[in-house]
Amino acid sequence: MSAKRVFTRHTRIAVGVTTLGAVLALGAGTTAAFADTTQTALAGTAELVSQQAAAQAKAVSAAKKAKAVTAAKKGVWDKPVEKYTLSATFGRGGSMWSHKHSGQDFAVPVGTPVQSVGAGTVVKAGPNGGGDGPAYGNAIVIRHANNTYSQYAHLSRIQVKIGQKVSKDKQIALSGNTGNSSGPHLHFEIRTTPNYGSAVNPIAFLRKAGVSL
């Protein structure tokens, strides 16, 4: 065999080995790059799934809260004002009252809408506490089912009449500062009769009925 043919054969073998090495090297690099890309994609997917799960959990929580509010609104009772600060409590002693405090005070600005806490019939409405005395100022008493009565006092304006039937959440008055009052607020009572002296703890009553205060 001539030297020229041997040289050509060796050259072809060298080129073949070099090409195979390049292919193998390229394949290894491609595999590594693919693995990195896949890992990044999986991490991104996991993060997306985590975010979706968190969003779903938040939506479920919001739905439960909305359902609870709706359930309370559908109940038999509600609170007498929407925005307020609870002030003087039931049974509290002090110089403001001849006996212990007979209701719960809701501190609100004069002119705040006052609503009936439940369906019923107006049995008292007017100045002089609607007949319960001047300390109450302008006041309303509503008769509900099961010998339960609600009273609203220190009103600036009365918007119902005796004998009128009202539904739960019906606006009946505007809050004020009339009568024996140390500042603008709504005095609210739950009674077992329409008259002074039969009050029970109104907050305990409403909370037991499912009203959040």
Protein backbone atom coordinates (compact mmCIF):
# COMPACT_ATOMS: atom_id res chain seq x y z
CA MET A 1 0.00 0.00 0.00
CA SER A 2 1.35 3.36 -0.89
CA ALA A 3 2.14 6.00 1.67
CA LYS A 4 -0.43 8.28 0.08
CA ARG A 5 -3.26 5.78 0.62
CA VAL A 6 -2.23 5.16 4.26
CA PHE A 7 -2.18 8.86 4.96
CA THR A 8 -5.62 9.37 3.42
CA ARG A 9 -7.06 6.49 5.45
CA HIS A 10 -5.66 7.83 8.72
CA THR A 11 -6.98 11.30 7.89
CA ARG A 12 -10.48 9.93 7.33
CA ILE A 13 -10.37 8.02 10.61
CA ALA A 14 -9.20 11.15 12.50
CA VAL A 15 -11.94 13.24 10.97
CA GLY A 16 -14.50 10.58 11.84
CA VAL A 17 -13.36 10.39 15.44
CA THR A 18 -13.36 14.17 15.73
CA THR A 19 -16.87 14.41 14.28
CA LEU A 20 -18.18 11.68 16.59
CA GLY A 21 -16.67 13.49 19.57
CA ALA A 22 -18.31 16.72 18.53
CA VAL A 23 -21.67 15.01 18.14
CA LEU A 24 -21.33 13.34 21.53
CA ALA A 25 -20.27 16.62 23.09
CA LEU A 26 -23.18 18.43 21.47
CA GLY A 27 -25.55 15.74 22.64
CA ALA A 28 -24.37 15.98 26.22
CA GLY A 29 -24.68 19.73 26.20
CA THR A 30 -28.13 19.59 24.67
CA THR A 31 -29.26 17.03 27.25
CA ALA A 32 -27.97 19.19 30.09
CA ALA A 33 -29.65 22.29 28.67
CA PHE A 34 -32.91 20.38 28.23
CA ALA A 35 -32.69 19.14 31.83
CA ASP A 36 -32.16 22.69 33.11
CA THR A 37 -35.07 23.99 31.03
CA THR A 38 -37.34 21.21 32.26
CA GLN A 39 -36.39 21.83 35.90
CA THR A 40 -37.09 25.56 35.49
CA ALA A 41 -40.44 24.83 33.85
CA LEU A 42 -41.40 22.43 36.64
CA ALA A 43 -40.43 25.00 39.27
CA GLY A 44 -42.52 27.63 37.48
CA THR A 45 -45.46 25.26 37.27
CA ALA A 46 -45.20 24.45 40.98
CA GLU A 47 -45.14 28.17 41.81
CA LEU A 48 -48.19 28.76 39.59
CA VAL A 49 -50.07 25.89 41.22
CA SER A 50 -49.18 27.28 44.66
CA GLN A 51 -50.45 30.74 43.69
CA GLN A 52 -53.67 29.28 42.29
CA ALA A 53 -54.21 27.25 45.47
CA ALA A 54 -53.69 30.37 47.61
CA ALA A 55 -56.11 32.34 45.43
CA GLN A 56 -58.71 29.58 45.68
CA ALA A 57 -58.33 29.40 49.46
CA LYS A 58 -58.78 33.18 49.68
CA ALA A 59 -61.87 33.01 47.48
CA VAL A 60 -63.36 30.23 49.63
CA SER A 61 -62.69 32.26 52.80
CA ALA A 62 -64.33 35.36 51.28
CA ALA A 63 -67.31 33.28 50.17
CA LYS A 64 -67.76 31.89 53.69
CA LYS A 65 -67.68 35.39 55.19
CA ALA A 66 -70.19 36.65 52.61
CA LYS A 67 -72.41 33.66 53.34
CA ALA A 68 -72.28 34.39 57.07
CA VAL A 69 -73.24 38.03 56.49
CA THR A 70 -76.06 36.96 54.17
CA ALA A 71 -77.27 34.42 56.73
CA ALA A 72 -77.32 37.10 59.42
CA LYS A 73 -79.31 39.40 57.14
CA LYS A 74 -81.78 36.61 56.48
CA GLY A 75 -82.24 36.01 60.20
CA VAL A 76 -85.11 37.26 62.33
CA TRP A 77 -83.05 39.96 64.07
CA ASP A 78 -80.49 42.61 63.15
CA LYS A 79 -78.67 45.50 64.84
CA PRO A 80 -80.36 48.93 65.16
CA VAL A 81 -77.59 50.93 63.42
CA GLU A 82 -74.94 49.97 60.88
CA LYS A 83 -71.85 51.93 61.97
CA TYR A 84 -71.34 52.66 65.65
CA THR A 85 -69.22 52.39 68.77
CA LEU A 86 -70.65 50.52 71.74
CA SER A 87 -70.57 52.83 74.76
CA ALA A 88 -72.55 52.58 78.02
CA THR A 89 -73.51 48.96 78.62
CA PHE A 90 -76.53 47.25 80.15
CA GLY A 91 -76.52 47.16 83.97
CA ARG A 92 -73.90 49.87 84.32
CA GLY A 93 -74.19 52.08 87.41
CA GLY A 94 -73.64 55.83 87.59
CA SER A 95 -75.17 59.23 88.24
CA MET A 96 -76.67 59.36 84.75
CA TRP A 97 -79.40 56.86 85.72
CA SER A 98 -81.73 56.64 88.71
CA HIS A 99 -81.12 52.89 88.63
CA LYS A 100 -78.64 50.84 86.65
CA HIS A 101 -78.45 51.45 82.90
CA SER A 102 -81.41 49.72 81.27
CA GLY A 103 -80.04 49.32 77.77
CA GLN A 104 -77.05 49.46 75.45
CA ASP A 105 -75.83 52.76 74.01
CA PHE A 106 -74.61 52.97 70.42
CA ALA A 107 -72.45 56.08 69.96
CA VAL A 108 -73.37 57.56 66.56
CA PRO A 109 -73.60 61.08 65.12
CA VAL A 110 -76.92 62.94 65.22
CA GLY A 111 -78.97 62.01 62.15
CA THR A 112 -77.75 58.42 61.84
CA PRO A 113 -80.51 56.16 60.38
CA VAL A 114 -82.06 53.90 63.03
CA GLN A 115 -83.69 50.67 61.88
CA SER A 116 -86.02 48.20 63.52
CA VAL A 117 -84.12 45.16 64.77
CA GLY A 118 -87.01 42.90 63.80
CA ALA A 119 -90.47 42.80 62.27
CA GLY A 120 -93.24 44.08 64.50
CA THR A 121 -95.76 46.80 65.32
CA VAL A 122 -95.05 50.24 66.76
CA VAL A 123 -96.74 50.57 70.18
CA LYS A 124 -95.07 53.78 71.41
CA ALA A 125 -93.69 56.73 69.45
CA GLY A 126 -93.22 60.31 70.56
CA PRO A 127 -91.56 62.74 72.98
CA ASN A 128 -91.35 62.14 76.73
CA GLY A 129 -89.88 58.72 75.94
CA GLY A 130 -93.06 57.76 74.14
CA GLY A 131 -94.65 57.65 77.57
CA ASP A 132 -91.70 56.20 79.50
CA GLY A 133 -90.49 59.54 80.82
CA PRO A 134 -88.53 62.63 79.74
CA ALA A 135 -85.13 61.02 80.36
CA TYR A 136 -85.53 59.06 77.12
CA GLY A 137 -86.30 62.10 74.97
CA ASN A 138 -87.95 61.14 71.69
CA ALA A 139 -88.45 57.38 71.71
CA ILE A 140 -90.07 54.42 69.96
CA VAL A 141 -91.14 51.00 71.24
CA ILE A 142 -91.90 48.12 68.85
CA ARG A 143 -93.69 44.89 69.74
CA HIS A 144 -92.25 41.72 68.22
CA ALA A 145 -93.27 38.07 68.48
CA ASN A 146 -93.06 36.07 71.73
CA ASN A 147 -93.63 39.05 74.06
CA THR A 148 -90.43 40.78 73.02
CA TYR A 149 -90.21 44.56 72.63
CA SER A 150 -87.44 46.82 71.35
CA GLN A 151 -86.98 50.44 72.42
CA TYR A 152 -85.04 53.25 70.69
CA ALA A 153 -84.41 56.53 72.56
CA HIS A 154 -82.79 60.01 72.40
CA LEU A 155 -83.95 60.30 68.77
CA SER A 156 -83.78 63.52 66.77
CA ARG A 157 -86.64 62.49 64.47
CA ILE A 158 -89.34 59.82 64.66
CA GLN A 159 -90.39 58.42 61.28
CA VAL A 160 -93.15 55.94 62.26
CA LYS A 161 -96.54 56.11 63.96
CA ILE A 162 -98.26 54.04 66.65
CA GLY A 163 -99.97 51.05 65.08
CA GLN A 164 -97.67 50.99 62.06
CA LYS A 165 -96.25 47.60 61.08
CA VAL A 166 -92.54 47.54 60.28
CA SER A 167 -90.22 44.96 58.80
CA LYS A 168 -86.74 44.07 59.98
CA ASP A 169 -84.22 46.74 58.91
CA LYS A 170 -87.00 49.26 58.23
CA GLN A 171 -85.75 52.78 58.94
CA ILE A 172 -87.85 54.14 61.81
CA ALA A 173 -85.97 57.21 63.03
CA LEU A 174 -82.84 59.33 63.08
CA SER A 175 -80.54 59.22 66.09
CA GLY A 176 -80.13 62.29 68.25
CA ASN A 177 -79.26 63.75 71.64
CA THR A 178 -82.67 64.41 73.22
CA GLY A 179 -83.67 63.76 76.82
CA ASN A 180 -81.15 62.88 79.52
CA SER A 181 -78.19 62.37 77.18
CA SER A 182 -74.49 63.13 77.63
CA GLY A 183 -73.83 63.19 73.89
CA PRO A 184 -75.17 61.95 70.54
CA HIS A 185 -76.08 58.28 70.69
CA LEU A 186 -78.85 55.73 70.37
CA HIS A 187 -80.14 54.17 73.58
CA PHE A 188 -81.44 50.68 72.73
CA GLU A 189 -83.39 48.24 74.90
CA ILE A 190 -84.91 44.78 74.62
CA ARG A 191 -87.90 44.39 76.95
CA THR A 192 -90.36 41.72 77.98
CA THR A 193 -93.17 44.33 78.16
CA PRO A 194 -93.63 47.69 76.41
CA ASN A 195 -92.83 49.57 79.61
CA TYR A 196 -89.77 50.75 81.48
CA GLY A 197 -88.46 48.30 84.06
CA SER A 198 -88.72 45.10 82.01
CA ALA A 199 -85.43 45.38 80.10
CA VAL A 200 -83.04 42.48 79.56
CA ASN A 201 -79.45 42.58 78.28
CA PRO A 202 -79.93 43.60 74.61
CA ILE A 203 -76.46 42.63 73.44
CA ALA A 204 -76.75 39.14 74.91
CA PHE A 205 -80.19 38.83 73.31
CA LEU A 206 -79.00 39.83 69.82
CA ARG A 207 -75.85 37.74 69.94
CA LYS A 208 -77.86 34.69 70.99
CA ALA A 209 -80.07 35.37 67.97
CA GLY A 210 -76.99 35.26 65.71
CA VAL A 211 -76.40 39.01 65.30
CA SER A 212 -72.72 40.01 65.24
CA LEU A 213 -71.95 43.18 67.20
